[in-house]
Amino acid sequence: MLEPFKIEMIIDNIHTSPEFVKLIYKIKDIEDIILITDSISATNLNDGEYTLGGLKVMVKDKKATLEDGTIAGSTLTFDDGVRNFYLITNCSLKELVRVSSYNALQDLNIKNEGELKKVI
């Protein structure tokens, strides 16, 4: 039996495929999914050559790789990751809030933040 665990996901269709995202959405409790980006300094810049920790990184079509082809972080913006999760899973707004803010705050033990509240 697996111990309960949280999963942080980069929803850029490079680190995770849509099929994998759908699988995780089906088998994990929504409270255990946290969206992240792993964005590097080349995010939102043109395709080209950049550096990351002294290593040469090539960015092409939003995919950042080292010279040997290894993924070198992402160029995903958080809003695109949230949008991608929604488009792939068709989750509810409440679930989207959980995976995009509330769950991470709970994991950090930050209370009373990251929730949608009805304002009268």
PDB file of N, CA and C in Angstrom:
ATOM      1  N   MET A   1       0.848  -1.189   0.000  1.00  0.00           N
ATOM      2  CA  MET A   1       0.000   0.000   0.000  1.00  0.00           C
ATOM      3  C   MET A   1       0.887   1.243   0.000  1.00  0.00           C
ATOM      4  N   LEU A   2       0.552   2.196  -0.860  1.00  0.00           N
ATOM      5  CA  LEU A   2       1.299   3.442  -0.911  1.00  0.00           C
ATOM      6  C   LEU A   2       0.902   4.358   0.236  1.00  0.00           C
ATOM      7  N   GLU A   3       1.881   5.051   0.752  1.00  0.00           N
ATOM      8  CA  GLU A   3       1.603   6.084   1.745  1.00  0.00           C
ATOM      9  C   GLU A   3       0.947   7.259   1.033  1.00  0.00           C
ATOM     10  N   PRO A   4       0.096   8.000   1.731  1.00  0.00           N
ATOM     11  CA  PRO A   4      -0.497   9.182   1.089  1.00  0.00           C
ATOM     12  C   PRO A   4       0.613  10.170   0.718  1.00  0.00           C
ATOM     13  N   PHE A   5       0.461  10.809  -0.413  1.00  0.00           N
ATOM     14  CA  PHE A   5       1.468  11.779  -0.836  1.00  0.00           C
ATOM     15  C   PHE A   5       0.812  12.866  -1.664  1.00  0.00           C
ATOM     16  N   LYS A   6       1.446  14.018  -1.682  1.00  0.00           N
ATOM     17  CA  LYS A   6       1.026  15.130  -2.529  1.00  0.00           C
ATOM     18  C   LYS A   6       1.827  15.057  -3.814  1.00  0.00           C
ATOM     19  N   ILE A   7       1.264  15.573  -4.898  1.00  0.00           N
ATOM     20  CA  ILE A   7       1.967  15.593  -6.167  1.00  0.00           C
ATOM     21  C   ILE A   7       1.959  17.016  -6.707  1.00  0.00           C
ATOM     22  N   GLU A   8       3.151  17.506  -7.045  1.00  0.00           N
ATOM     23  CA  GLU A   8       3.291  18.813  -7.679  1.00  0.00           C
ATOM     24  C   GLU A   8       3.432  18.574  -9.172  1.00  0.00           C
ATOM     25  N   MET A   9       2.642  19.293  -9.955  1.00  0.00           N
ATOM     26  CA  MET A   9       2.590  19.032 -11.393  1.00  0.00           C
ATOM     27  C   MET A   9       2.860  20.290 -12.208  1.00  0.00           C
ATOM     28  N   ILE A  10       3.708  20.126 -13.221  1.00  0.00           N
ATOM     29  CA  ILE A  10       3.981  21.173 -14.202  1.00  0.00           C
ATOM     30  C   ILE A  10       3.125  20.837 -15.421  1.00  0.00           C
ATOM     31  N   ILE A  11       2.051  21.591 -15.633  1.00  0.00           N
ATOM     32  CA  ILE A  11       1.071  21.262 -16.665  1.00  0.00           C
ATOM     33  C   ILE A  11       1.407  22.048 -17.939  1.00  0.00           C
ATOM     34  N   ASP A  12       2.497  21.634 -18.595  1.00  0.00           N
ATOM     35  CA  ASP A  12       2.961  22.341 -19.803  1.00  0.00           C
ATOM     36  C   ASP A  12       2.963  21.458 -21.045  1.00  0.00           C
ATOM     37  N   ASN A  13       2.465  20.237 -20.930  1.00  0.00           N
ATOM     38  CA  ASN A  13       2.464  19.263 -22.029  1.00  0.00           C
ATOM     39  C   ASN A  13       3.875  18.876 -22.462  1.00  0.00           C
ATOM     40  N   ILE A  14       4.855  19.167 -21.643  1.00  0.00           N
ATOM     41  CA  ILE A  14       6.236  18.733 -21.837  1.00  0.00           C
ATOM     42  C   ILE A  14       6.632  17.849 -20.655  1.00  0.00           C
ATOM     43  N   HIS A  15       6.526  18.398 -19.445  1.00  0.00           N
ATOM     44  CA  HIS A  15       6.809  17.613 -18.242  1.00  0.00           C
ATOM     45  C   HIS A  15       5.737  16.554 -17.999  1.00  0.00           C
ATOM     46  N   THR A  16       4.502  16.885 -18.324  1.00  0.00           N
ATOM     47  CA  THR A  16       3.378  15.968 -18.125  1.00  0.00           C
ATOM     48  C   THR A  16       2.504  15.963 -19.375  1.00  0.00           C
ATOM     49  N   SER A  17       2.088  14.789 -19.776  1.00  0.00           N
ATOM     50  CA  SER A  17       1.187  14.679 -20.930  1.00  0.00           C
ATOM     51  C   SER A  17      -0.252  14.880 -20.449  1.00  0.00           C
ATOM     52  N   PRO A  18      -1.142  15.298 -21.340  1.00  0.00           N
ATOM     53  CA  PRO A  18      -2.552  15.425 -20.948  1.00  0.00           C
ATOM     54  C   PRO A  18      -3.121  14.114 -20.392  1.00  0.00           C
ATOM     55  N   GLU A  19      -2.702  12.982 -20.944  1.00  0.00           N
ATOM     56  CA  GLU A  19      -3.199  11.685 -20.458  1.00  0.00           C
ATOM     57  C   GLU A  19      -2.771  11.436 -19.008  1.00  0.00           C
ATOM     58  N   PHE A  20      -1.529  11.806 -18.681  1.00  0.00           N
ATOM     59  CA  PHE A  20      -1.049  11.644 -17.309  1.00  0.00           C
ATOM     60  C   PHE A  20      -1.808  12.577 -16.364  1.00  0.00           C
ATOM     61  N   VAL A  21      -2.053  13.806 -16.794  1.00  0.00           N
ATOM     62  CA  VAL A  21      -2.804  14.762 -15.969  1.00  0.00           C
ATOM     63  C   VAL A  21      -4.202  14.219 -15.700  1.00  0.00           C
ATOM     64  N   LYS A  22      -4.868  13.693 -16.713  1.00  0.00           N
ATOM     65  CA  LYS A  22      -6.200  13.104 -16.537  1.00  0.00           C
ATOM     66  C   LYS A  22      -6.162  11.938 -15.555  1.00  0.00           C
ATOM     67  N   LEU A  23      -5.130  11.091 -15.668  1.00  0.00           N
ATOM     68  CA  LEU A  23      -4.997   9.949 -14.765  1.00  0.00           C
ATOM     69  C   LEU A  23      -4.850  10.410 -13.317  1.00  0.00           C
ATOM     70  N   ILE A  24      -3.957  11.355 -13.090  1.00  0.00           N
ATOM     71  CA  ILE A  24      -3.748  11.862 -11.724  1.00  0.00           C
ATOM     72  C   ILE A  24      -5.027  12.493 -11.188  1.00  0.00           C
ATOM     73  N   TYR A  25      -5.719  13.259 -12.011  1.00  0.00           N
ATOM     74  CA  TYR A  25      -6.974  13.890 -11.614  1.00  0.00           C
ATOM     75  C   TYR A  25      -8.007  12.839 -11.194  1.00  0.00           C
ATOM     76  N   LYS A  26      -8.007  11.698 -11.866  1.00  0.00           N
ATOM     77  CA  LYS A  26      -8.961  10.633 -11.544  1.00  0.00           C
ATOM     78  C   LYS A  26      -8.591   9.849 -10.294  1.00  0.00           C
ATOM     79  N   ILE A  27      -7.288   9.617 -10.061  1.00  0.00           N
ATOM     80  CA  ILE A  27      -6.906   8.705  -8.978  1.00  0.00           C
ATOM     81  C   ILE A  27      -6.490   9.393  -7.678  1.00  0.00           C
ATOM     82  N   LYS A  28      -6.123  10.665  -7.747  1.00  0.00           N
ATOM     83  CA  LYS A  28      -5.701  11.374  -6.528  1.00  0.00           C
ATOM     84  C   LYS A  28      -6.832  12.230  -6.002  1.00  0.00           C
ATOM     85  N   ASP A  29      -6.872  12.400  -4.679  1.00  0.00           N
ATOM     86  CA  ASP A  29      -7.795  13.367  -4.099  1.00  0.00           C
ATOM     87  C   ASP A  29      -7.362  14.755  -4.552  1.00  0.00           C
ATOM     88  N   ILE A  30      -8.310  15.626  -4.823  1.00  0.00           N
ATOM     89  CA  ILE A  30      -7.994  16.962  -5.318  1.00  0.00           C
ATOM     90  C   ILE A  30      -7.122  17.730  -4.321  1.00  0.00           C
ATOM     91  N   GLU A  31      -7.222  17.395  -3.039  1.00  0.00           N
ATOM     92  CA  GLU A  31      -6.421  18.048  -2.000  1.00  0.00           C
ATOM     93  C   GLU A  31      -4.934  17.711  -2.108  1.00  0.00           C
ATOM     94  N   ASP A  32      -4.607  16.696  -2.875  1.00  0.00           N
ATOM     95  CA  ASP A  32      -3.226  16.236  -2.975  1.00  0.00           C
ATOM     96  C   ASP A  32      -2.512  16.714  -4.243  1.00  0.00           C
ATOM     97  N   ILE A  33      -3.178  17.523  -5.060  1.00  0.00           N
ATOM     98  CA  ILE A  33      -2.583  18.011  -6.311  1.00  0.00           C
ATOM     99  C   ILE A  33      -2.226  19.488  -6.153  1.00  0.00           C
ATOM    100  N   ILE A  34      -0.971  19.826  -6.485  1.00  0.00           N
ATOM    101  CA  ILE A  34      -0.501  21.214  -6.408  1.00  0.00           C
ATOM    102  C   ILE A  34       0.144  21.571  -7.743  1.00  0.00           C
ATOM    103  N   LEU A  35      -0.325  22.652  -8.353  1.00  0.00           N
ATOM    104  CA  LEU A  35       0.248  23.096  -9.620  1.00  0.00           C
ATOM    105  C   LEU A  35       1.468  23.972  -9.367  1.00  0.00           C
ATOM    106  N   ILE A  36       2.536  23.740 -10.133  1.00  0.00           N
ATOM    107  CA  ILE A  36       3.763  24.526 -10.057  1.00  0.00           C
ATOM    108  C   ILE A  36       4.238  24.819 -11.477  1.00  0.00           C
ATOM    109  N   THR A  37       5.307  25.620 -11.621  1.00  0.00           N
ATOM    110  CA  THR A  37       5.801  25.933 -12.960  1.00  0.00           C
ATOM    111  C   THR A  37       7.231  25.480 -13.219  1.00  0.00           C
ATOM    112  N   ASP A  38       8.156  25.616 -12.283  1.00  0.00           N
ATOM    113  CA  ASP A  38       9.575  25.350 -12.520  1.00  0.00           C
ATOM    114  C   ASP A  38      10.119  26.284 -13.604  1.00  0.00           C
ATOM    115  N   SER A  39       9.534  27.485 -13.700  1.00  0.00           N
ATOM    116  CA  SER A  39       9.920  28.433 -14.741  1.00  0.00           C
ATOM    117  C   SER A  39      11.343  28.945 -14.549  1.00  0.00           C
ATOM    118  N   ILE A  40      12.013  29.118 -15.678  1.00  0.00           N
ATOM    119  CA  ILE A  40      13.374  29.659 -15.672  1.00  0.00           C
ATOM    120  C   ILE A  40      13.336  31.091 -16.203  1.00  0.00           C
ATOM    121  N   SER A  41      14.465  31.767 -16.170  1.00  0.00           N
ATOM    122  CA  SER A  41      14.514  33.177 -16.570  1.00  0.00           C
ATOM    123  C   SER A  41      14.171  33.409 -18.036  1.00  0.00           C
ATOM    124  N   ALA A  42      14.194  32.385 -18.858  1.00  0.00           N
ATOM    125  CA  ALA A  42      13.846  32.530 -20.280  1.00  0.00           C
ATOM    126  C   ALA A  42      12.337  32.519 -20.522  1.00  0.00           C
ATOM    127  N   THR A  43      11.544  32.403 -19.493  1.00  0.00           N
ATOM    128  CA  THR A  43      10.090  32.388 -19.638  1.00  0.00           C
ATOM    129  C   THR A  43       9.616  33.672 -20.309  1.00  0.00           C
ATOM    130  N   ASN A  44       8.750  33.524 -21.293  1.00  0.00           N
ATOM    131  CA  ASN A  44       8.185  34.621 -22.082  1.00  0.00           C
ATOM    132  C   ASN A  44       9.189  35.314 -22.998  1.00  0.00           C
ATOM    133  N   LEU A  45      10.354  34.714 -23.195  1.00  0.00           N
ATOM    134  CA  LEU A  45      11.337  35.256 -24.125  1.00  0.00           C
ATOM    135  C   LEU A  45      11.305  34.452 -25.421  1.00  0.00           C
ATOM    136  N   ASN A  46      11.936  34.972 -26.447  1.00  0.00           N
ATOM    137  CA  ASN A  46      11.985  34.301 -27.745  1.00  0.00           C
ATOM    138  C   ASN A  46      12.787  33.009 -27.671  1.00  0.00           C
ATOM    139  N   ASP A  47      12.569  32.143 -28.650  1.00  0.00           N
ATOM    140  CA  ASP A  47      13.414  30.961 -28.793  1.00  0.00           C
ATOM    141  C   ASP A  47      14.865  31.418 -28.886  1.00  0.00           C
ATOM    142  N   GLY A  48      15.767  30.634 -28.317  1.00  0.00           N
ATOM    143  CA  GLY A  48      17.179  30.991 -28.384  1.00  0.00           C
ATOM    144  C   GLY A  48      17.992  30.314 -27.310  1.00  0.00           C
ATOM    145  N   GLU A  49      19.216  30.802 -27.135  1.00  0.00           N
ATOM    146  CA  GLU A  49      20.156  30.236 -26.174  1.00  0.00           C
ATOM    147  C   GLU A  49      20.203  31.116 -24.924  1.00  0.00           C
ATOM    148  N   TYR A  50      20.121  30.474 -23.762  1.00  0.00           N
ATOM    149  CA  TYR A  50      20.135  31.160 -22.476  1.00  0.00           C
ATOM    150  C   TYR A  50      21.056  30.394 -21.533  1.00  0.00           C
ATOM    151  N   THR A  51      21.270  30.920 -20.334  1.00  0.00           N
ATOM    152  CA  THR A  51      22.052  30.188 -19.338  1.00  0.00           C
ATOM    153  C   THR A  51      21.211  29.961 -18.095  1.00  0.00           C
ATOM    154  N   LEU A  52      21.503  28.866 -17.436  1.00  0.00           N
ATOM    155  CA  LEU A  52      20.833  28.499 -16.189  1.00  0.00           C
ATOM    156  C   LEU A  52      21.879  27.874 -15.290  1.00  0.00           C
ATOM    157  N   GLY A  53      22.266  28.572 -14.248  1.00  0.00           N
ATOM    158  CA  GLY A  53      23.290  28.048 -13.339  1.00  0.00           C
ATOM    159  C   GLY A  53      24.597  27.754 -14.054  1.00  0.00           C
ATOM    160  N   GLY A  54      24.945  28.576 -15.025  1.00  0.00           N
ATOM    161  CA  GLY A  54      26.181  28.384 -15.768  1.00  0.00           C
ATOM    162  C   GLY A  54      26.092  27.372 -16.900  1.00  0.00           C
ATOM    163  N   LEU A  55      24.936  26.751 -17.083  1.00  0.00           N
ATOM    164  CA  LEU A  55      24.730  25.777 -18.158  1.00  0.00           C
ATOM    165  C   LEU A  55      24.036  26.433 -19.342  1.00  0.00           C
ATOM    166  N   LYS A  56      24.396  26.019 -20.545  1.00  0.00           N
ATOM    167  CA  LYS A  56      23.739  26.519 -21.743  1.00  0.00           C
ATOM    168  C   LYS A  56      22.387  25.828 -21.884  1.00  0.00           C
ATOM    169  N   VAL A  57      21.353  26.641 -22.071  1.00  0.00           N
ATOM    170  CA  VAL A  57      19.986  26.134 -22.233  1.00  0.00           C
ATOM    171  C   VAL A  57      19.444  26.651 -23.554  1.00  0.00           C
ATOM    172  N   MET A  58      18.884  25.749 -24.333  1.00  0.00           N
ATOM    173  CA  MET A  58      18.232  26.116 -25.589  1.00  0.00           C
ATOM    174  C   MET A  58      16.722  26.095 -25.372  1.00  0.00           C
ATOM    175  N   VAL A  59      16.047  27.150 -25.799  1.00  0.00           N
ATOM    176  CA  VAL A  59      14.592  27.207 -25.740  1.00  0.00           C
ATOM    177  C   VAL A  59      14.069  27.220 -27.163  1.00  0.00           C
ATOM    178  N   LYS A  60      13.205  26.260 -27.445  1.00  0.00           N
ATOM    179  CA  LYS A  60      12.564  26.183 -28.769  1.00  0.00           C
ATOM    180  C   LYS A  60      11.129  25.715 -28.557  1.00  0.00           C
ATOM    181  N   ASP A  61      10.192  26.489 -29.081  1.00  0.00           N
ATOM    182  CA  ASP A  61       8.765  26.171 -28.944  1.00  0.00           C
ATOM    183  C   ASP A  61       8.379  25.951 -27.484  1.00  0.00           C
ATOM    184  N   LYS A  62       8.878  26.817 -26.608  1.00  0.00           N
ATOM    185  CA  LYS A  62       8.594  26.822 -25.160  1.00  0.00           C
ATOM    186  C   LYS A  62       9.228  25.652 -24.405  1.00  0.00           C
ATOM    187  N   LYS A  63      10.036  24.836 -25.052  1.00  0.00           N
ATOM    188  CA  LYS A  63      10.711  23.722 -24.388  1.00  0.00           C
ATOM    189  C   LYS A  63      12.160  24.113 -24.131  1.00  0.00           C
ATOM    190  N   ALA A  64      12.572  24.057 -22.854  1.00  0.00           N
ATOM    191  CA  ALA A  64      13.931  24.406 -22.453  1.00  0.00           C
ATOM    192  C   ALA A  64      14.726  23.128 -22.213  1.00  0.00           C
ATOM    193  N   THR A  65      15.864  22.995 -22.922  1.00  0.00           N
ATOM    194  CA  THR A  65      16.680  21.795 -22.773  1.00  0.00           C
ATOM    195  C   THR A  65      18.159  22.155 -22.679  1.00  0.00           C
ATOM    196  N   LEU A  66      18.904  21.250 -22.039  1.00  0.00           N
ATOM    197  CA  LEU A  66      20.358  21.342 -22.043  1.00  0.00           C
ATOM    198  C   LEU A  66      20.857  20.837 -23.391  1.00  0.00           C
ATOM    199  N   GLU A  67      22.148  20.958 -23.621  1.00  0.00           N
ATOM    200  CA  GLU A  67      22.726  20.531 -24.903  1.00  0.00           C
ATOM    201  C   GLU A  67      22.466  19.056 -25.202  1.00  0.00           C
ATOM    202  N   ASP A  68      22.368  18.219 -24.157  1.00  0.00           N
ATOM    203  CA  ASP A  68      22.145  16.788 -24.380  1.00  0.00           C
ATOM    204  C   ASP A  68      20.662  16.423 -24.507  1.00  0.00           C
ATOM    205  N   GLY A  69      19.780  17.434 -24.494  1.00  0.00           N
ATOM    206  CA  GLY A  69      18.348  17.193 -24.655  1.00  0.00           C
ATOM    207  C   GLY A  69      17.571  17.064 -23.362  1.00  0.00           C
ATOM    208  N   THR A  70      18.262  17.060 -22.214  1.00  0.00           N
ATOM    209  CA  THR A  70      17.599  16.973 -20.911  1.00  0.00           C
ATOM    210  C   THR A  70      16.745  18.218 -20.673  1.00  0.00           C
ATOM    211  N   ILE A  71      15.528  18.035 -20.169  1.00  0.00           N
ATOM    212  CA  ILE A  71      14.663  19.171 -19.840  1.00  0.00           C
ATOM    213  C   ILE A  71      15.362  20.025 -18.790  1.00  0.00           C
ATOM    214  N   ALA A  72      15.368  21.338 -19.010  1.00  0.00           N
ATOM    215  CA  ALA A  72      16.051  22.281 -18.117  1.00  0.00           C
ATOM    216  C   ALA A  72      15.053  23.282 -17.553  1.00  0.00           C
ATOM    217  N   GLY A  73      14.126  22.819 -16.741  1.00  0.00           N
ATOM    218  CA  GLY A  73      13.102  23.699 -16.212  1.00  0.00           C
ATOM    219  C   GLY A  73      11.992  23.876 -17.235  1.00  0.00           C
ATOM    220  N   SER A  74      11.180  24.898 -17.025  1.00  0.00           N
ATOM    221  CA  SER A  74      10.081  25.152 -17.950  1.00  0.00           C
ATOM    222  C   SER A  74      10.027  26.636 -18.287  1.00  0.00           C
ATOM    223  N   THR A  75       9.252  26.954 -19.304  1.00  0.00           N
ATOM    224  CA  THR A  75       8.963  28.354 -19.624  1.00  0.00           C
ATOM    225  C   THR A  75       7.469  28.616 -19.416  1.00  0.00           C
ATOM    226  N   LEU A  76       6.856  27.791 -18.600  1.00  0.00           N
ATOM    227  CA  LEU A  76       5.426  27.874 -18.327  1.00  0.00           C
ATOM    228  C   LEU A  76       5.131  29.012 -17.356  1.00  0.00           C
ATOM    229  N   THR A  77       4.161  29.852 -17.706  1.00  0.00           N
ATOM    230  CA  THR A  77       3.672  30.832 -16.751  1.00  0.00           C
ATOM    231  C   THR A  77       2.569  30.166 -15.927  1.00  0.00           C
ATOM    232  N   PHE A  78       2.381  30.635 -14.710  1.00  0.00           N
ATOM    233  CA  PHE A  78       1.425  29.978 -13.823  1.00  0.00           C
ATOM    234  C   PHE A  78       0.006  30.033 -14.382  1.00  0.00           C
ATOM    235  N   ASP A  79      -0.374  31.170 -14.951  1.00  0.00           N
ATOM    236  CA  ASP A  79      -1.732  31.263 -15.491  1.00  0.00           C
ATOM    237  C   ASP A  79      -1.951  30.269 -16.631  1.00  0.00           C
ATOM    238  N   ASP A  80      -0.927  30.028 -17.437  1.00  0.00           N
ATOM    239  CA  ASP A  80      -1.056  29.018 -18.497  1.00  0.00           C
ATOM    240  C   ASP A  80      -1.168  27.614 -17.913  1.00  0.00           C
ATOM    241  N   GLY A  81      -0.435  27.338 -16.840  1.00  0.00           N
ATOM    242  CA  GLY A  81      -0.530  26.029 -16.193  1.00  0.00           C
ATOM    243  C   GLY A  81      -1.914  25.776 -15.621  1.00  0.00           C
ATOM    244  N   VAL A  82      -2.489  26.792 -14.995  1.00  0.00           N
ATOM    245  CA  VAL A  82      -3.846  26.679 -14.441  1.00  0.00           C
ATOM    246  C   VAL A  82      -4.848  26.469 -15.575  1.00  0.00           C
ATOM    247  N   ARG A  83      -4.715  27.255 -16.628  1.00  0.00           N
ATOM    248  CA  ARG A  83      -5.605  27.118 -17.790  1.00  0.00           C
ATOM    249  C   ARG A  83      -5.493  25.727 -18.396  1.00  0.00           C
ATOM    250  N   ASN A  84      -4.260  25.227 -18.544  1.00  0.00           N
ATOM    251  CA  ASN A  84      -4.052  23.894 -19.105  1.00  0.00           C
ATOM    252  C   ASN A  84      -4.714  22.827 -18.244  1.00  0.00           C
ATOM    253  N   PHE A  85      -4.569  22.929 -16.923  1.00  0.00           N
ATOM    254  CA  PHE A  85      -5.189  21.945 -16.027  1.00  0.00           C
ATOM    255  C   PHE A  85      -6.702  21.932 -16.224  1.00  0.00           C
ATOM    256  N   TYR A  86      -7.280  23.115 -16.289  1.00  0.00           N
ATOM    257  CA  TYR A  86      -8.732  23.208 -16.486  1.00  0.00           C
ATOM    258  C   TYR A  86      -9.150  22.597 -17.823  1.00  0.00           C
ATOM    259  N   LEU A  87      -8.445  22.951 -18.885  1.00  0.00           N
ATOM    260  CA  LEU A  87      -8.803  22.451 -20.218  1.00  0.00           C
ATOM    261  C   LEU A  87      -8.644  20.935 -20.323  1.00  0.00           C
ATOM    262  N   ILE A  88      -7.645  20.387 -19.647  1.00  0.00           N
ATOM    263  CA  ILE A  88      -7.410  18.943 -19.704  1.00  0.00           C
ATOM    264  C   ILE A  88      -8.415  18.171 -18.857  1.00  0.00           C
ATOM    265  N   THR A  89      -8.733  18.695 -17.664  1.00  0.00           N
ATOM    266  CA  THR A  89      -9.567  17.938 -16.719  1.00  0.00           C
ATOM    267  C   THR A  89     -11.033  18.336 -16.715  1.00  0.00           C
ATOM    268  N   ASN A  90     -11.332  19.549 -17.180  1.00  0.00           N
ATOM    269  CA  ASN A  90     -12.690  20.092 -17.077  1.00  0.00           C
ATOM    270  C   ASN A  90     -13.152  20.112 -15.618  1.00  0.00           C
ATOM    271  N   CYS A  91     -12.247  20.429 -14.717  1.00  0.00           N
ATOM    272  CA  CYS A  91     -12.544  20.451 -13.284  1.00  0.00           C
ATOM    273  C   CYS A  91     -13.454  21.628 -12.941  1.00  0.00           C
ATOM    274  N   SER A  92     -13.975  21.608 -11.739  1.00  0.00           N
ATOM    275  CA  SER A  92     -14.829  22.704 -11.270  1.00  0.00           C
ATOM    276  C   SER A  92     -13.948  23.890 -10.848  1.00  0.00           C
ATOM    277  N   LEU A  93     -14.553  25.061 -10.713  1.00  0.00           N
ATOM    278  CA  LEU A  93     -13.825  26.244 -10.253  1.00  0.00           C
ATOM    279  C   LEU A  93     -13.267  26.011  -8.848  1.00  0.00           C
ATOM    280  N   LYS A  94     -14.049  25.357  -8.005  1.00  0.00           N
ATOM    281  CA  LYS A  94     -13.604  25.060  -6.641  1.00  0.00           C
ATOM    282  C   LYS A  94     -12.353  24.173  -6.675  1.00  0.00           C
ATOM    283  N   GLU A  95     -12.339  23.172  -7.536  1.00  0.00           N
ATOM    284  CA  GLU A  95     -11.166  22.301  -7.651  1.00  0.00           C
ATOM    285  C   GLU A  95      -9.973  23.082  -8.203  1.00  0.00           C
ATOM    286  N   LEU A  96     -10.220  23.981  -9.139  1.00  0.00           N
ATOM    287  CA  LEU A  96      -9.155  24.779  -9.723  1.00  0.00           C
ATOM    288  C   LEU A  96      -8.506  25.677  -8.673  1.00  0.00           C
ATOM    289  N   VAL A  97      -9.315  26.246  -7.802  1.00  0.00           N
ATOM    290  CA  VAL A  97      -8.787  27.063  -6.699  1.00  0.00           C
ATOM    291  C   VAL A  97      -7.929  26.201  -5.781  1.00  0.00           C
ATOM    292  N   ARG A  98      -8.376  25.005  -5.509  1.00  0.00           N
ATOM    293  CA  ARG A  98      -7.613  24.117  -4.613  1.00  0.00           C
ATOM    294  C   ARG A  98      -6.231  23.817  -5.185  1.00  0.00           C
ATOM    295  N   VAL A  99      -6.177  23.393  -6.462  1.00  0.00           N
ATOM    296  CA  VAL A  99      -4.900  22.961  -7.032  1.00  0.00           C
ATOM    297  C   VAL A  99      -3.967  24.136  -7.331  1.00  0.00           C
ATOM    298  N   SER A 100      -4.540  25.327  -7.528  1.00  0.00           N
ATOM    299  CA  SER A 100      -3.720  26.465  -7.924  1.00  0.00           C
ATOM    300  C   SER A 100      -3.272  27.347  -6.766  1.00  0.00           C
ATOM    301  N   SER A 101      -3.917  27.239  -5.610  1.00  0.00           N
ATOM    302  CA  SER A 101      -3.486  28.088  -4.489  1.00  0.00           C
ATOM    303  C   SER A 101      -3.710  27.445  -3.121  1.00  0.00           C
ATOM    304  N   TYR A 102      -4.925  27.010  -2.863  1.00  0.00           N
ATOM    305  CA  TYR A 102      -5.283  26.544  -1.525  1.00  0.00           C
ATOM    306  C   TYR A 102      -4.422  25.374  -1.045  1.00  0.00           C
ATOM    307  N   ASN A 103      -4.221  24.369  -1.884  1.00  0.00           N
ATOM    308  CA  ASN A 103      -3.456  23.189  -1.456  1.00  0.00           C
ATOM    309  C   ASN A 103      -2.015  23.537  -1.108  1.00  0.00           C
ATOM    310  N   ALA A 104      -1.393  24.402  -1.901  1.00  0.00           N
ATOM    311  CA  ALA A 104      -0.008  24.803  -1.613  1.00  0.00           C
ATOM    312  C   ALA A 104       0.062  25.559  -0.287  1.00  0.00           C
ATOM    313  N   LEU A 105      -0.896  26.430  -0.046  1.00  0.00           N
ATOM    314  CA  LEU A 105      -0.925  27.176   1.214  1.00  0.00           C
ATOM    315  C   LEU A 105      -1.127  26.233   2.400  1.00  0.00           C
ATOM    316  N   GLN A 106      -2.002  25.246   2.260  1.00  0.00           N
ATOM    317  CA  GLN A 106      -2.205  24.274   3.330  1.00  0.00           C
ATOM    318  C   GLN A 106      -0.927  23.489   3.595  1.00  0.00           C
ATOM    319  N   ASP A 107      -0.231  23.113   2.520  1.00  0.00           N
ATOM    320  CA  ASP A 107       1.022  22.374   2.638  1.00  0.00           C
ATOM    321  C   ASP A 107       2.069  23.196   3.392  1.00  0.00           C
ATOM    322  N   LEU A 108       2.015  24.510   3.234  1.00  0.00           N
ATOM    323  CA  LEU A 108       2.938  25.418   3.933  1.00  0.00           C
ATOM    324  C   LEU A 108       2.409  25.841   5.304  1.00  0.00           C
ATOM    325  N   ASN A 109       1.246  25.296   5.685  1.00  0.00           N
ATOM    326  CA  ASN A 109       0.601  25.600   6.959  1.00  0.00           C
ATOM    327  C   ASN A 109       0.199  27.076   7.067  1.00  0.00           C
ATOM    328  N   ILE A 110      -0.216  27.667   5.935  1.00  0.00           N
ATOM    329  CA  ILE A 110      -0.722  29.036   5.905  1.00  0.00           C
ATOM    330  C   ILE A 110      -2.243  28.941   5.880  1.00  0.00           C
ATOM    331  N   LYS A 111      -2.857  29.409   6.933  1.00  0.00           N
ATOM    332  CA  LYS A 111      -4.312  29.261   7.076  1.00  0.00           C
ATOM    333  C   LYS A 111      -5.054  30.529   6.649  1.00  0.00           C
ATOM    334  N   ASN A 112      -6.331  30.388   6.343  1.00  0.00           N
ATOM    335  CA  ASN A 112      -7.236  31.486   6.001  1.00  0.00           C
ATOM    336  C   ASN A 112      -6.805  32.275   4.773  1.00  0.00           C
ATOM    337  N   GLU A 113      -6.135  31.623   3.831  1.00  0.00           N
ATOM    338  CA  GLU A 113      -5.729  32.255   2.581  1.00  0.00           C
ATOM    339  C   GLU A 113      -6.022  31.280   1.436  1.00  0.00           C
ATOM    340  N   GLY A 114      -6.168  31.809   0.223  1.00  0.00           N
ATOM    341  CA  GLY A 114      -6.278  30.979  -0.969  1.00  0.00           C
ATOM    342  C   GLY A 114      -7.638  30.370  -1.219  1.00  0.00           C
ATOM    343  N   GLU A 115      -8.686  30.863  -0.568  1.00  0.00           N
ATOM    344  CA  GLU A 115     -10.026  30.324  -0.759  1.00  0.00           C
ATOM    345  C   GLU A 115     -10.920  31.359  -1.429  1.00  0.00           C
ATOM    346  N   LEU A 116     -11.924  30.889  -2.143  1.00  0.00           N
ATOM    347  CA  LEU A 116     -12.963  31.772  -2.640  1.00  0.00           C
ATOM    348  C   LEU A 116     -14.011  31.889  -1.543  1.00  0.00           C
ATOM    349  N   LYS A 117     -14.398  33.111  -1.236  1.00  0.00           N
ATOM    350  CA  LYS A 117     -15.405  33.318  -0.205  1.00  0.00           C
ATOM    351  C   LYS A 117     -16.512  34.182  -0.750  1.00  0.00           C
ATOM    352  N   LYS A 118     -17.711  33.866  -0.357  1.00  0.00           N
ATOM    353  CA  LYS A 118     -18.867  34.653  -0.751  1.00  0.00           C
ATOM    354  C   LYS A 118     -18.841  35.968   0.008  1.00  0.00           C
ATOM    355  N   VAL A 119     -18.953  37.067  -0.749  1.00  0.00           N
ATOM    356  CA  VAL A 119     -18.997  38.400  -0.138  1.00  0.00           C
ATOM    357  C   VAL A 119     -20.428  38.914  -0.231  1.00  0.00           C
ATOM    358  N   ILE A 120     -20.944  39.329   0.895  1.00  0.00           N
ATOM    359  CA  ILE A 120     -22.345  39.804   0.934  1.00  0.00           C
ATOM    360  C   ILE A 120     -22.380  41.285   0.657  1.00  0.00           C
TER     361      ILE A 120
END
